[in-house]
């Protein structure tokens, strides 16, 4: 891509691509490829694209991407995700959409990070997103396999 390997588009695309490999791994370890798994996989990829776009929008040197662009992505995807989850599993699984939707509303009011102490602030955002991603992964596992 001629020097665009560190661009926001490349980083978000790479994150979404990595998240999309989980569906292939699920099938490779003898998982049944049913519609519920496909819907959850689309949710997983969209969530990670949303998170990556949020992180790419925070640094002050990324002028072309704003933090609220991640909210636009989430709100465009939300009706299809909600409908898909509702069709395959009913109302209860829609709980997994609450945290990202609340965060998308909060992000609409956020701006860029200041240059001072940028590395620490980005690291803090990364750790927070890691924790949120692990919680979502646990909720998704409960959604797919049900409670014991």
C-alpha atoms as a PDB file:
ATOM      1  CA  UNK A   1       0.000   0.000   0.000  1.00  0.00           C
ATOM      2  CA  UNK A   2       3.030   2.253  -0.508  1.00  0.00           C
ATOM      3  CA  UNK A   3       3.814   3.393   3.015  1.00  0.00           C
ATOM      4  CA  UNK A   4       0.281   3.114   4.333  1.00  0.00           C
ATOM      5  CA  UNK A   5       1.033   0.117   6.553  1.00  0.00           C
ATOM      6  CA  UNK A   6       0.588   2.234   9.660  1.00  0.00           C
ATOM      7  CA  UNK A   7      -2.430   4.174   8.488  1.00  0.00           C
ATOM      8  CA  UNK A   8      -5.702   4.128  10.380  1.00  0.00           C
ATOM      9  CA  UNK A   9      -7.367   2.171   7.573  1.00  0.00           C
ATOM     10  CA  UNK A  10      -4.619  -0.473   7.623  1.00  0.00           C
ATOM     11  CA  UNK A  11      -4.751  -0.811  11.423  1.00  0.00           C
ATOM     12  CA  UNK A  12      -8.551  -1.105  11.576  1.00  0.00           C
ATOM     13  CA  UNK A  13      -8.609  -3.529   8.640  1.00  0.00           C
ATOM     14  CA  UNK A  14      -5.885  -5.645  10.220  1.00  0.00           C
ATOM     15  CA  UNK A  15      -7.730  -5.806  13.517  1.00  0.00           C
ATOM     16  CA  UNK A  16     -10.965  -6.823  11.787  1.00  0.00           C
ATOM     17  CA  UNK A  17      -9.088  -9.416   9.750  1.00  0.00           C
ATOM     18  CA  UNK A  18      -7.555 -10.962  12.862  1.00  0.00           C
ATOM     19  CA  UNK A  19     -10.967 -11.012  14.584  1.00  0.00           C
ATOM     20  CA  UNK A  20     -12.496 -12.709  11.546  1.00  0.00           C
ATOM     21  CA  UNK A  21     -10.082 -15.646  11.790  1.00  0.00           C
ATOM     22  CA  UNK A  22     -11.836 -16.932  14.907  1.00  0.00           C
ATOM     23  CA  UNK A  23     -14.694 -18.272  12.797  1.00  0.00           C
ATOM     24  CA  UNK A  24     -12.234 -20.321  10.731  1.00  0.00           C
ATOM     25  CA  UNK A  25     -10.557 -21.640  13.892  1.00  0.00           C
ATOM     26  CA  UNK A  26     -13.941 -22.568  15.331  1.00  0.00           C
ATOM     27  CA  UNK A  27     -14.731 -24.644  12.255  1.00  0.00           C
ATOM     28  CA  UNK A  28     -11.224 -26.170  12.174  1.00  0.00           C
ATOM     29  CA  UNK A  29     -11.622 -27.467  15.734  1.00  0.00           C
ATOM     30  CA  UNK A  30     -14.822 -29.256  14.693  1.00  0.00           C
ATOM     31  CA  UNK A  31     -17.314 -26.554  15.661  1.00  0.00           C
ATOM     32  CA  UNK A  32     -20.684 -26.680  13.967  1.00  0.00           C
ATOM     33  CA  UNK A  33     -21.130 -23.783  11.549  1.00  0.00           C
ATOM     34  CA  UNK A  34     -24.688 -22.788  12.402  1.00  0.00           C
ATOM     35  CA  UNK A  35     -26.364 -19.410  11.910  1.00  0.00           C
ATOM     36  CA  UNK A  36     -25.905 -18.507  15.584  1.00  0.00           C
ATOM     37  CA  UNK A  37     -22.132 -18.863  15.260  1.00  0.00           C
ATOM     38  CA  UNK A  38     -22.087 -16.778  12.076  1.00  0.00           C
ATOM     39  CA  UNK A  39     -24.107 -13.972  13.722  1.00  0.00           C
ATOM     40  CA  UNK A  40     -21.839 -14.010  16.772  1.00  0.00           C
ATOM     41  CA  UNK A  41     -18.780 -13.937  14.504  1.00  0.00           C
ATOM     42  CA  UNK A  42     -20.128 -10.868  12.699  1.00  0.00           C
ATOM     43  CA  UNK A  43     -20.740  -9.253  16.101  1.00  0.00           C
ATOM     44  CA  UNK A  44     -17.152 -10.082  17.162  1.00  0.00           C
ATOM     45  CA  UNK A  45     -15.607  -8.600  14.000  1.00  0.00           C
ATOM     46  CA  UNK A  46     -17.781  -5.477  14.147  1.00  0.00           C
ATOM     47  CA  UNK A  47     -16.977  -4.943  17.819  1.00  0.00           C
ATOM     48  CA  UNK A  48     -13.245  -5.132  17.151  1.00  0.00           C
ATOM     49  CA  UNK A  49     -13.469  -2.851  14.122  1.00  0.00           C
ATOM     50  CA  UNK A  50     -15.406  -0.388  16.322  1.00  0.00           C
ATOM     51  CA  UNK A  51     -12.751  -0.578  19.054  1.00  0.00           C
ATOM     52  CA  UNK A  52      -9.853  -0.244  16.612  1.00  0.00           C
ATOM     53  CA  UNK A  53     -11.448   2.748  14.901  1.00  0.00           C
ATOM     54  CA  UNK A  54     -11.945   4.350  18.315  1.00  0.00           C
ATOM     55  CA  UNK A  55      -8.268   3.902  19.210  1.00  0.00           C
ATOM     56  CA  UNK A  56      -7.161   5.198  15.807  1.00  0.00           C
ATOM     57  CA  UNK A  57      -9.340   8.274  16.270  1.00  0.00           C
ATOM     58  CA  UNK A  58      -7.818   9.291  19.612  1.00  0.00           C
ATOM     59  CA  UNK A  59      -4.217  10.323  18.717  1.00  0.00           C
ATOM     60  CA  UNK A  60      -3.853  14.014  17.839  1.00  0.00           C
ATOM     61  CA  UNK A  61      -1.782  13.243  14.731  1.00  0.00           C
ATOM     62  CA  UNK A  62      -4.596  11.243  13.067  1.00  0.00           C
ATOM     63  CA  UNK A  63      -6.369  14.186  11.476  1.00  0.00           C
ATOM     64  CA  UNK A  64      -8.481  12.148   9.044  1.00  0.00           C
ATOM     65  CA  UNK A  65     -10.099   9.980  11.749  1.00  0.00           C
ATOM     66  CA  UNK A  66     -12.110  11.275  14.686  1.00  0.00           C
ATOM     67  CA  UNK A  67     -13.198   9.218  17.708  1.00  0.00           C
ATOM     68  CA  UNK A  68     -16.879   9.601  16.810  1.00  0.00           C
ATOM     69  CA  UNK A  69     -16.301   7.762  13.511  1.00  0.00           C
ATOM     70  CA  UNK A  70     -16.279   4.553  15.549  1.00  0.00           C
ATOM     71  CA  UNK A  71     -19.744   5.451  16.859  1.00  0.00           C
ATOM     72  CA  UNK A  72     -21.004   5.898  13.316  1.00  0.00           C
ATOM     73  CA  UNK A  73     -19.749   2.405  12.444  1.00  0.00           C
ATOM     74  CA  UNK A  74     -21.407   0.906  15.527  1.00  0.00           C
ATOM     75  CA  UNK A  75     -24.759   2.671  15.073  1.00  0.00           C
ATOM     76  CA  UNK A  76     -24.927   1.659  11.401  1.00  0.00           C
ATOM     77  CA  UNK A  77     -24.235  -1.977  12.342  1.00  0.00           C
ATOM     78  CA  UNK A  78     -26.421  -2.088  15.460  1.00  0.00           C
ATOM     79  CA  UNK A  79     -29.838  -2.772  13.856  1.00  0.00           C
ATOM     80  CA  UNK A  80     -28.514  -5.716  11.840  1.00  0.00           C
ATOM     81  CA  UNK A  81     -26.617  -7.113  14.837  1.00  0.00           C
ATOM     82  CA  UNK A  82     -29.637  -6.759  17.126  1.00  0.00           C
ATOM     83  CA  UNK A  83     -31.954  -8.351  14.573  1.00  0.00           C
ATOM     84  CA  UNK A  84     -29.553 -11.243  13.955  1.00  0.00           C
ATOM     85  CA  UNK A  85     -29.101 -11.952  17.661  1.00  0.00           C
ATOM     86  CA  UNK A  86     -32.843 -11.716  18.274  1.00  0.00           C
ATOM     87  CA  UNK A  87     -33.675 -14.104  15.422  1.00  0.00           C
ATOM     88  CA  UNK A  88     -31.184 -16.775  16.483  1.00  0.00           C
ATOM     89  CA  UNK A  89     -31.480 -16.536  20.267  1.00  0.00           C
ATOM     90  CA  UNK A  90     -34.305 -14.296  21.440  1.00  0.00           C
ATOM     91  CA  UNK A  91     -34.237 -11.195  23.633  1.00  0.00           C
ATOM     92  CA  UNK A  92     -31.785 -12.146  26.378  1.00  0.00           C
ATOM     93  CA  UNK A  93     -28.649 -12.225  24.165  1.00  0.00           C
ATOM     94  CA  UNK A  94     -29.231  -8.588  23.235  1.00  0.00           C
ATOM     95  CA  UNK A  95     -27.551  -7.838  26.580  1.00  0.00           C
ATOM     96  CA  UNK A  96     -24.178  -8.219  24.857  1.00  0.00           C
ATOM     97  CA  UNK A  97     -24.943  -5.116  22.782  1.00  0.00           C
ATOM     98  CA  UNK A  98     -25.464  -2.827  25.783  1.00  0.00           C
ATOM     99  CA  UNK A  99     -21.830  -2.034  26.659  1.00  0.00           C
ATOM    100  CA  UNK A 100     -20.652  -1.205  23.130  1.00  0.00           C
ATOM    101  CA  UNK A 101     -23.758   0.880  22.500  1.00  0.00           C
ATOM    102  CA  UNK A 102     -23.287   2.879  25.703  1.00  0.00           C
ATOM    103  CA  UNK A 103     -19.629   3.358  24.823  1.00  0.00           C
ATOM    104  CA  UNK A 104     -20.604   4.507  21.312  1.00  0.00           C
ATOM    105  CA  UNK A 105     -22.857   7.174  22.845  1.00  0.00           C
ATOM    106  CA  UNK A 106     -20.051   8.306  25.180  1.00  0.00           C
ATOM    107  CA  UNK A 107     -17.533   8.448  22.326  1.00  0.00           C
ATOM    108  CA  UNK A 108     -19.678  10.942  20.420  1.00  0.00           C
ATOM    109  CA  UNK A 109     -18.678  13.568  23.011  1.00  0.00           C
ATOM    110  CA  UNK A 110     -14.964  12.680  23.187  1.00  0.00           C
ATOM    111  CA  UNK A 111     -12.175  14.462  21.386  1.00  0.00           C
ATOM    112  CA  UNK A 112      -8.558  13.801  20.583  1.00  0.00           C
ATOM    113  CA  UNK A 113      -5.979  13.085  23.279  1.00  0.00           C
ATOM    114  CA  UNK A 114      -3.457  15.821  24.105  1.00  0.00           C
ATOM    115  CA  UNK A 115       0.147  15.233  23.019  1.00  0.00           C
ATOM    116  CA  UNK A 116       1.535  15.246  26.561  1.00  0.00           C
ATOM    117  CA  UNK A 117       1.762  11.781  28.078  1.00  0.00           C
ATOM    118  CA  UNK A 118       0.172  10.261  24.979  1.00  0.00           C
ATOM    119  CA  UNK A 119       1.752   6.822  25.372  1.00  0.00           C
ATOM    120  CA  UNK A 120       0.372   6.326  28.900  1.00  0.00           C
ATOM    121  CA  UNK A 121      -3.103   7.469  27.873  1.00  0.00           C
ATOM    122  CA  UNK A 122      -3.217   5.170  24.843  1.00  0.00           C
ATOM    123  CA  UNK A 123      -1.981   2.283  26.986  1.00  0.00           C
ATOM    124  CA  UNK A 124      -4.785   2.952  29.473  1.00  0.00           C
ATOM    125  CA  UNK A 125      -7.326   2.927  26.636  1.00  0.00           C
ATOM    126  CA  UNK A 126      -5.846  -0.357  25.369  1.00  0.00           C
ATOM    127  CA  UNK A 127      -6.057  -2.054  28.762  1.00  0.00           C
ATOM    128  CA  UNK A 128      -9.666  -0.900  29.171  1.00  0.00           C
ATOM    129  CA  UNK A 129     -10.582  -2.219  25.741  1.00  0.00           C
ATOM    130  CA  UNK A 130      -8.860  -5.523  26.503  1.00  0.00           C
ATOM    131  CA  UNK A 131     -10.966  -5.965  29.632  1.00  0.00           C
ATOM    132  CA  UNK A 132     -14.145  -5.045  27.743  1.00  0.00           C
ATOM    133  CA  UNK A 133     -13.233  -7.484  24.974  1.00  0.00           C
ATOM    134  CA  UNK A 134     -12.703 -10.318  27.479  1.00  0.00           C
ATOM    135  CA  UNK A 135     -16.081  -9.603  29.080  1.00  0.00           C
ATOM    136  CA  UNK A 136     -17.730  -9.633  25.656  1.00  0.00           C
ATOM    137  CA  UNK A 137     -15.968 -12.911  24.817  1.00  0.00           C
ATOM    138  CA  UNK A 138     -17.325 -14.496  28.008  1.00  0.00           C
ATOM    139  CA  UNK A 139     -20.837 -13.254  27.246  1.00  0.00           C
ATOM    140  CA  UNK A 140     -20.572 -14.619  23.716  1.00  0.00           C
ATOM    141  CA  UNK A 141     -19.481 -18.021  25.018  1.00  0.00           C
ATOM    142  CA  UNK A 142     -22.489 -18.057  27.328  1.00  0.00           C
ATOM    143  CA  UNK A 143     -24.652 -17.069  24.350  1.00  0.00           C
ATOM    144  CA  UNK A 144     -23.325 -19.884  22.165  1.00  0.00           C
ATOM    145  CA  UNK A 145     -23.130 -22.659  24.723  1.00  0.00           C
ATOM    146  CA  UNK A 146     -25.670 -21.556  27.308  1.00  0.00           C
ATOM    147  CA  UNK A 147     -25.252 -21.634  31.052  1.00  0.00           C
ATOM    148  CA  UNK A 148     -24.105 -24.938  32.579  1.00  0.00           C
END
